[in-house]
Amino acid sequence: MRAEILPSQIGILKEEYKILVLPDLHIPIDMELKEIILNSDIFKSIDYIILLGDNVACYGNDREYEILNEFIKKMGKPYTAINGNHEFMFEVVEYDDKNYGRMWKANDKNKRGIQLERFYNFFNLKEKYWYEKVDEILYIFLTIGKAESEKIEILPENCEKFLEEIFEKLDNLKYIFIFCHAPLKGSEIPTFKYYTDQGDPFIYLSENLIKKIEKLKIPIYWFSGHIHLNYNHPMSLIRKLNKNLYQVNCPPTWRFSRRDLNDIIPKRYNEFSSLIIEKNKKIKLKIFEWIKNEFIKEFKI
């Protein structure tokens, strides 16, 4: 199965636009909240949508992709999608199985490869990483995962080389926006815990790539989901890693989130928000609270 509405190139955007960033949809969980998004007035003004990984709830089984397909059809907007860990991390349990949502056995190398290919085929993605320029902004999209790697939060083969080559030829750019499901190592507060003391949800960039980034004169914003940070969390929204590199932790698209450093495991809060990138004369990162039906935070960059 493939998504009925194929992903659109982001280059269709004009000089002014609004991009809705939806990480951690976890479809079909909290579908009533997804309906709030689709039926809201603010959604009508959105020009583009980025599905930022963990689009499926648990395993990437047939039924999850079917319901995701229905959601995309209802969106009726141009979009781009990248994957998260739930698209390939766990051994598939079917939707009508009594163990659905209860069994979390890690996939082996072969099954990881099968599930990764399933994701690429569903969205008809020909590349594992790609970029496109929109005026003075370079948009870069990175999937995660290697079939042979036990670590889930890892970039695909040759992805760093791809980034290095881009960074060597930057013309007429003011910003680089990178979208990847997992956040960067170094963006965390020292006391932050991800499920356990050993939890490590971060992407590690090589020293060589970090040095190249430090030499750039263009700021890079790395947009991620994965760690389910509520907009009130002290690591949300923007964290500076070095003079040119910023982590942007986007709110998840369901009720489960980490509100403070005591939330080692996400809790169910009656709050539900999303990041909207607004581009006109200036660029703003705005947090929209869907239940309150209002913008609650805004950052100019």
Protein backbone atom coordinates (compact mmCIF):
# COMPACT_ATOMS: atom_id res chain seq x y z
CA MET A 1 0.00 0.00 0.00
CA ARG A 2 1.08 3.56 -0.73
CA ALA A 3 -0.28 6.80 0.64
CA GLU A 4 -3.11 7.98 -1.61
CA ILE A 5 -1.79 11.54 -1.68
CA LEU A 6 1.89 11.38 -2.56
CA PRO A 7 4.36 13.62 -0.70
CA SER A 8 4.88 16.97 -2.44
CA GLN A 9 8.16 18.77 -2.90
CA ILE A 10 8.40 21.67 -0.47
CA GLY A 11 9.54 23.91 -3.31
CA ILE A 12 5.89 24.54 -4.16
CA LEU A 13 5.80 27.08 -1.32
CA LYS A 14 5.69 30.74 -2.21
CA GLU A 15 7.21 33.76 -0.46
CA GLU A 16 4.78 33.60 2.48
CA TYR A 17 3.57 30.35 4.00
CA LYS A 18 2.71 28.34 7.11
CA ILE A 19 4.12 24.86 7.73
CA LEU A 20 2.52 22.57 10.31
CA VAL A 21 5.00 20.13 11.91
CA LEU A 22 3.40 16.90 13.17
CA PRO A 23 5.80 14.52 14.94
CA ASP A 24 4.66 11.44 16.81
CA LEU A 25 1.20 11.08 15.31
CA HIS A 26 1.10 7.51 16.64
CA ILE A 27 -1.92 6.69 14.52
CA PRO A 28 -4.43 5.30 15.49
CA ILE A 29 -4.03 6.56 19.08
CA ASP A 30 -5.92 9.73 20.08
CA MET A 31 -7.70 9.95 16.74
CA GLU A 32 -10.20 12.42 18.20
CA LEU A 33 -7.31 14.86 18.60
CA LYS A 34 -6.29 14.40 14.98
CA GLU A 35 -9.86 15.31 14.02
CA ILE A 36 -9.56 18.52 16.06
CA ILE A 37 -6.57 19.46 13.89
CA LEU A 38 -8.28 18.66 10.60
CA ASN A 39 -11.48 20.53 11.53
CA SER A 40 -9.84 23.64 12.99
CA ASP A 41 -9.86 27.06 11.35
CA ILE A 42 -6.09 27.38 11.71
CA PHE A 43 -5.63 24.19 9.67
CA LYS A 44 -7.31 25.86 6.71
CA SER A 45 -4.49 28.43 6.62
CA ILE A 46 -1.72 25.80 6.57
CA ASP A 47 0.17 25.56 3.28
CA TYR A 48 2.31 22.50 3.97
CA ILE A 49 2.62 19.67 6.50
CA ILE A 50 5.69 17.79 7.70
CA LEU A 51 5.03 14.35 9.22
CA LEU A 52 8.05 14.06 11.47
CA GLY A 53 8.19 10.34 12.23
CA ASP A 54 6.40 7.81 14.44
CA ASN A 55 3.48 8.31 12.11
CA VAL A 56 2.20 4.87 13.14
CA ALA A 57 1.35 3.99 16.72
CA CYS A 58 3.40 0.89 17.39
CA TYR A 59 4.73 -1.44 14.72
CA GLY A 60 3.93 -0.37 11.17
CA ASN A 61 1.37 -3.14 10.59
CA ASP A 62 -1.23 -3.22 7.80
CA ARG A 63 -4.05 -1.63 9.78
CA GLU A 64 -1.89 1.18 11.17
CA TYR A 65 -0.84 2.13 7.65
CA GLU A 66 -4.45 1.91 6.46
CA ILE A 67 -5.62 4.37 9.12
CA LEU A 68 -2.60 6.60 8.46
CA ASN A 69 -3.57 6.56 4.79
CA GLU A 70 -7.10 7.68 5.70
CA PHE A 71 -5.70 10.52 7.82
CA ILE A 72 -3.46 11.71 4.98
CA LYS A 73 -6.39 11.62 2.60
CA LYS A 74 -8.39 13.78 5.02
CA MET A 75 -5.49 16.24 5.33
CA GLY A 76 -5.80 17.10 1.68
CA LYS A 77 -2.62 19.20 1.90
CA PRO A 78 0.82 18.88 0.31
CA TYR A 79 3.20 17.22 2.72
CA THR A 80 6.51 15.48 3.31
CA ALA A 81 7.04 12.47 5.60
CA ILE A 82 10.04 10.99 7.32
CA ASN A 83 10.14 7.95 9.59
CA GLY A 84 10.54 7.41 13.30
CA ASN A 85 11.55 4.43 15.38
CA HIS A 86 8.04 2.94 15.50
CA GLU A 87 8.08 2.44 11.75
CA PHE A 88 10.77 -0.26 12.09
CA MET A 89 11.86 -0.78 15.69
CA PHE A 90 9.56 -3.52 16.98
CA GLU A 91 8.48 -6.94 15.77
CA VAL A 92 5.09 -6.53 14.11
CA VAL A 93 1.99 -7.43 16.10
CA GLU A 94 -1.23 -7.24 14.08
CA TYR A 95 -3.92 -4.75 15.03
CA ASP A 96 -6.52 -7.36 16.04
CA ASP A 97 -4.04 -9.44 18.06
CA LYS A 98 -4.60 -9.53 21.83
CA ASN A 99 -0.95 -8.48 22.31
CA TYR A 100 -1.27 -5.37 20.15
CA GLY A 101 0.26 -2.43 22.05
CA ARG A 102 1.52 -4.77 24.77
CA MET A 103 4.36 -6.72 23.21
CA TRP A 104 7.58 -4.83 22.46
CA LYS A 105 10.10 -7.27 21.06
CA ALA A 106 12.91 -5.59 19.12
CA ASN A 107 13.20 -6.49 15.44
CA ASP A 108 16.23 -8.36 14.20
CA LYS A 109 18.35 -7.09 11.29
CA ASN A 110 16.21 -8.68 8.56
CA LYS A 111 12.89 -7.51 9.97
CA ARG A 112 14.23 -3.99 10.51
CA GLY A 113 15.17 -3.90 6.83
CA ILE A 114 11.72 -5.14 5.78
CA GLN A 115 9.93 -2.52 7.87
CA LEU A 116 12.18 0.29 6.65
CA GLU A 117 11.43 -0.66 3.05
CA ARG A 118 7.74 -0.81 3.90
CA PHE A 119 7.89 2.79 5.09
CA TYR A 120 9.76 4.01 1.99
CA ASN A 121 7.33 2.19 -0.31
CA PHE A 122 4.24 3.49 1.48
CA PHE A 123 5.33 7.09 0.97
CA ASN A 124 6.92 6.39 -2.41
CA LEU A 125 10.22 7.83 -1.18
CA LYS A 126 13.11 7.31 -3.60
CA GLU A 127 15.78 8.72 -1.26
CA LYS A 128 16.55 8.34 2.44
CA TYR A 129 17.63 11.98 2.69
CA TRP A 130 17.04 14.95 0.43
CA TYR A 131 16.95 18.74 0.35
CA GLU A 132 15.19 21.60 -1.37
CA LYS A 133 15.67 25.37 -1.37
CA VAL A 134 12.77 27.77 -0.70
CA ASP A 135 14.00 31.34 -1.13
CA GLU A 136 16.70 31.91 1.51
CA ILE A 137 15.94 28.70 3.46
CA LEU A 138 17.38 25.26 2.71
CA TYR A 139 15.04 22.49 3.87
CA ILE A 140 16.76 19.15 4.55
CA PHE A 141 14.91 15.92 5.37
CA LEU A 142 16.62 12.94 7.01
CA THR A 143 15.15 9.52 7.72
CA ILE A 144 16.65 7.37 10.48
CA GLY A 145 17.69 3.76 10.86
CA LYS A 146 19.96 1.13 9.37
CA ALA A 147 18.90 -2.48 9.15
CA GLU A 148 22.26 -3.62 10.55
CA SER A 149 22.29 -1.18 13.49
CA GLU A 150 20.97 -2.02 16.95
CA LYS A 151 20.86 1.69 17.76
CA ILE A 152 17.64 3.11 16.40
CA GLU A 153 18.56 6.81 16.43
CA ILE A 154 21.14 6.66 13.67
CA LEU A 155 21.35 8.33 10.27
CA PRO A 156 21.26 6.22 7.07
CA GLU A 157 24.39 5.17 5.20
CA ASN A 158 26.38 8.09 3.72
CA CYS A 159 24.01 10.67 5.21
CA GLU A 160 26.81 12.62 6.89
CA LYS A 161 28.72 12.76 3.60
CA PHE A 162 25.54 14.13 2.01
CA LEU A 163 25.38 16.85 4.68
CA GLU A 164 29.08 17.71 4.35
CA GLU A 165 28.71 18.19 0.60
CA ILE A 166 25.74 20.50 1.13
CA PHE A 167 27.62 22.56 3.70
CA GLU A 168 30.49 23.09 1.25
CA LYS A 169 28.33 24.92 -1.30
CA LEU A 170 25.91 27.31 0.34
CA ASP A 171 24.81 30.27 -1.77
CA ASN A 172 22.29 32.98 -0.94
CA LEU A 173 21.04 31.27 2.20
CA LYS A 174 20.01 32.71 5.54
CA TYR A 175 18.91 29.52 7.28
CA ILE A 176 19.16 25.76 7.11
CA PHE A 177 16.22 23.78 8.52
CA ILE A 178 16.89 20.07 9.09
CA PHE A 179 14.01 17.73 9.89
CA CYS A 180 14.87 14.43 11.58
CA HIS A 181 12.75 12.41 13.99
CA ALA A 182 15.49 12.10 16.63
CA PRO A 183 17.15 15.07 18.36
CA LEU A 184 20.87 15.75 18.54
CA LYS A 185 23.20 14.66 21.30
CA GLY A 186 24.20 17.70 23.33
CA SER A 187 20.73 19.24 23.26
CA GLU A 188 19.72 17.62 26.53
CA ILE A 189 19.76 19.01 30.06
CA PRO A 190 22.20 16.90 32.15
CA THR A 191 19.42 15.58 34.44
CA PHE A 192 17.12 14.59 31.55
CA LYS A 193 16.22 10.90 31.55
CA TYR A 194 14.58 9.01 28.70
CA TYR A 195 12.68 6.09 30.27
CA THR A 196 15.79 4.79 32.11
CA ASP A 197 19.18 6.01 33.27
CA GLN A 198 20.65 4.36 30.16
CA GLY A 199 18.08 5.78 27.71
CA ASP A 200 19.83 7.34 24.73
CA PRO A 201 17.39 8.82 22.18
CA PHE A 202 19.89 11.08 20.42
CA ILE A 203 21.60 11.32 17.06
CA TYR A 204 25.41 11.53 17.34
CA LEU A 205 27.09 13.61 14.66
CA SER A 206 30.76 12.98 13.92
CA GLU A 207 33.40 15.38 15.20
CA ASN A 208 34.32 16.23 11.64
CA LEU A 209 30.76 17.25 10.74
CA ILE A 210 30.41 19.29 13.94
CA LYS A 211 33.60 21.19 13.05
CA LYS A 212 32.25 21.95 9.58
CA ILE A 213 29.04 23.27 11.13
CA GLU A 214 30.99 25.47 13.53
CA LYS A 215 32.75 27.12 10.58
CA LEU A 216 29.52 27.98 8.80
CA LYS A 217 28.08 31.47 8.89
CA ILE A 218 24.54 30.17 8.45
CA PRO A 219 22.44 29.05 11.44
CA ILE A 220 21.15 25.47 11.34
CA TYR A 221 17.91 24.50 13.10
CA TRP A 222 17.44 20.77 13.73
CA PHE A 223 13.70 19.99 14.14
CA SER A 224 12.80 16.76 15.96
CA GLY A 225 10.13 14.87 17.84
CA HIS A 226 10.74 11.46 19.42
CA ILE A 227 11.24 12.50 23.05
CA HIS A 228 7.66 13.82 23.43
CA LEU A 229 8.39 17.16 25.07
CA ASN A 230 5.42 19.20 26.21
CA TYR A 231 5.77 22.90 25.33
CA ASN A 232 6.26 23.58 29.08
CA HIS A 233 9.28 21.27 29.36
CA PRO A 234 12.56 23.09 30.13
CA MET A 235 14.17 21.58 27.00
CA SER A 236 11.45 22.99 24.79
CA LEU A 237 11.44 24.71 22.29
CA ILE A 238 14.85 25.92 21.07
CA ARG A 239 18.21 24.93 22.56
CA LYS A 240 21.56 26.23 21.28
CA LEU A 241 24.26 23.60 20.78
CA ASN A 242 26.97 25.84 19.36
CA LYS A 243 27.19 29.18 17.57
CA ASN A 244 25.54 27.83 14.40
CA LEU A 245 23.47 24.86 15.56
CA TYR A 246 20.10 24.87 17.33
CA GLN A 247 17.85 22.02 18.43
CA VAL A 248 14.09 22.55 18.05
CA ASN A 249 12.03 20.03 20.03
CA CYS A 250 8.54 19.90 18.52
CA PRO A 251 5.49 18.95 20.65
CA PRO A 252 4.06 15.46 19.96
CA THR A 253 0.75 14.95 18.16
CA TRP A 254 -0.97 13.10 20.99
CA ARG A 255 -1.66 13.63 24.71
CA PHE A 256 1.33 11.71 26.07
CA SER A 257 4.25 14.02 26.80
CA ARG A 258 7.02 14.96 29.20
CA ARG A 259 6.09 18.16 31.00
CA ASP A 260 9.11 18.45 33.30
CA LEU A 261 12.30 16.60 34.23
CA ASN A 262 10.37 14.32 36.60
CA ASP A 263 8.46 12.86 33.65
CA ILE A 264 10.93 10.10 32.85
CA ILE A 265 8.02 8.29 31.22
CA PRO A 266 5.53 10.43 29.24
CA LYS A 267 2.26 11.12 31.04
CA ARG A 268 -1.21 11.78 29.67
CA TYR A 269 -1.86 15.51 29.94
CA ASN A 270 -4.94 17.42 28.84
CA GLU A 271 -2.76 19.56 26.59
CA PHE A 272 -2.23 19.18 22.89
CA SER A 273 -0.12 21.51 20.79
CA SER A 274 1.88 21.71 17.55
CA LEU A 275 4.66 23.76 16.04
CA ILE A 276 3.84 26.02 13.11
CA ILE A 277 6.62 27.63 11.06
CA GLU A 278 5.36 30.95 9.76
CA LYS A 279 7.26 32.69 6.98
CA ASN A 280 6.42 36.21 5.79
CA LYS A 281 8.76 39.15 6.23
CA LYS A 282 10.28 37.31 9.18
CA ILE A 283 10.37 33.69 10.31
CA LYS A 284 8.49 32.74 13.45
CA LEU A 285 8.21 29.43 15.28
CA LYS A 286 4.78 29.42 16.91
CA ILE A 287 3.15 26.92 19.26
CA PHE A 288 -0.59 26.44 18.68
CA GLU A 289 -2.65 24.82 21.45
CA TRP A 290 -5.45 22.91 19.73
CA ILE A 291 -7.81 22.53 22.69
CA LYS A 292 -7.49 26.18 23.69
CA ASN A 293 -7.60 27.07 19.98
CA GLU A 294 -4.91 29.73 20.31
CA PHE A 295 -1.21 30.45 19.86
CA ILE A 296 0.52 30.23 23.22
CA LYS A 297 4.20 30.77 22.39
CA GLU A 298 6.17 32.50 19.67
CA PHE A 299 9.87 32.67 18.80
CA LYS A 300 11.43 34.86 16.14
CA ILE A 301 14.56 33.57 14.46
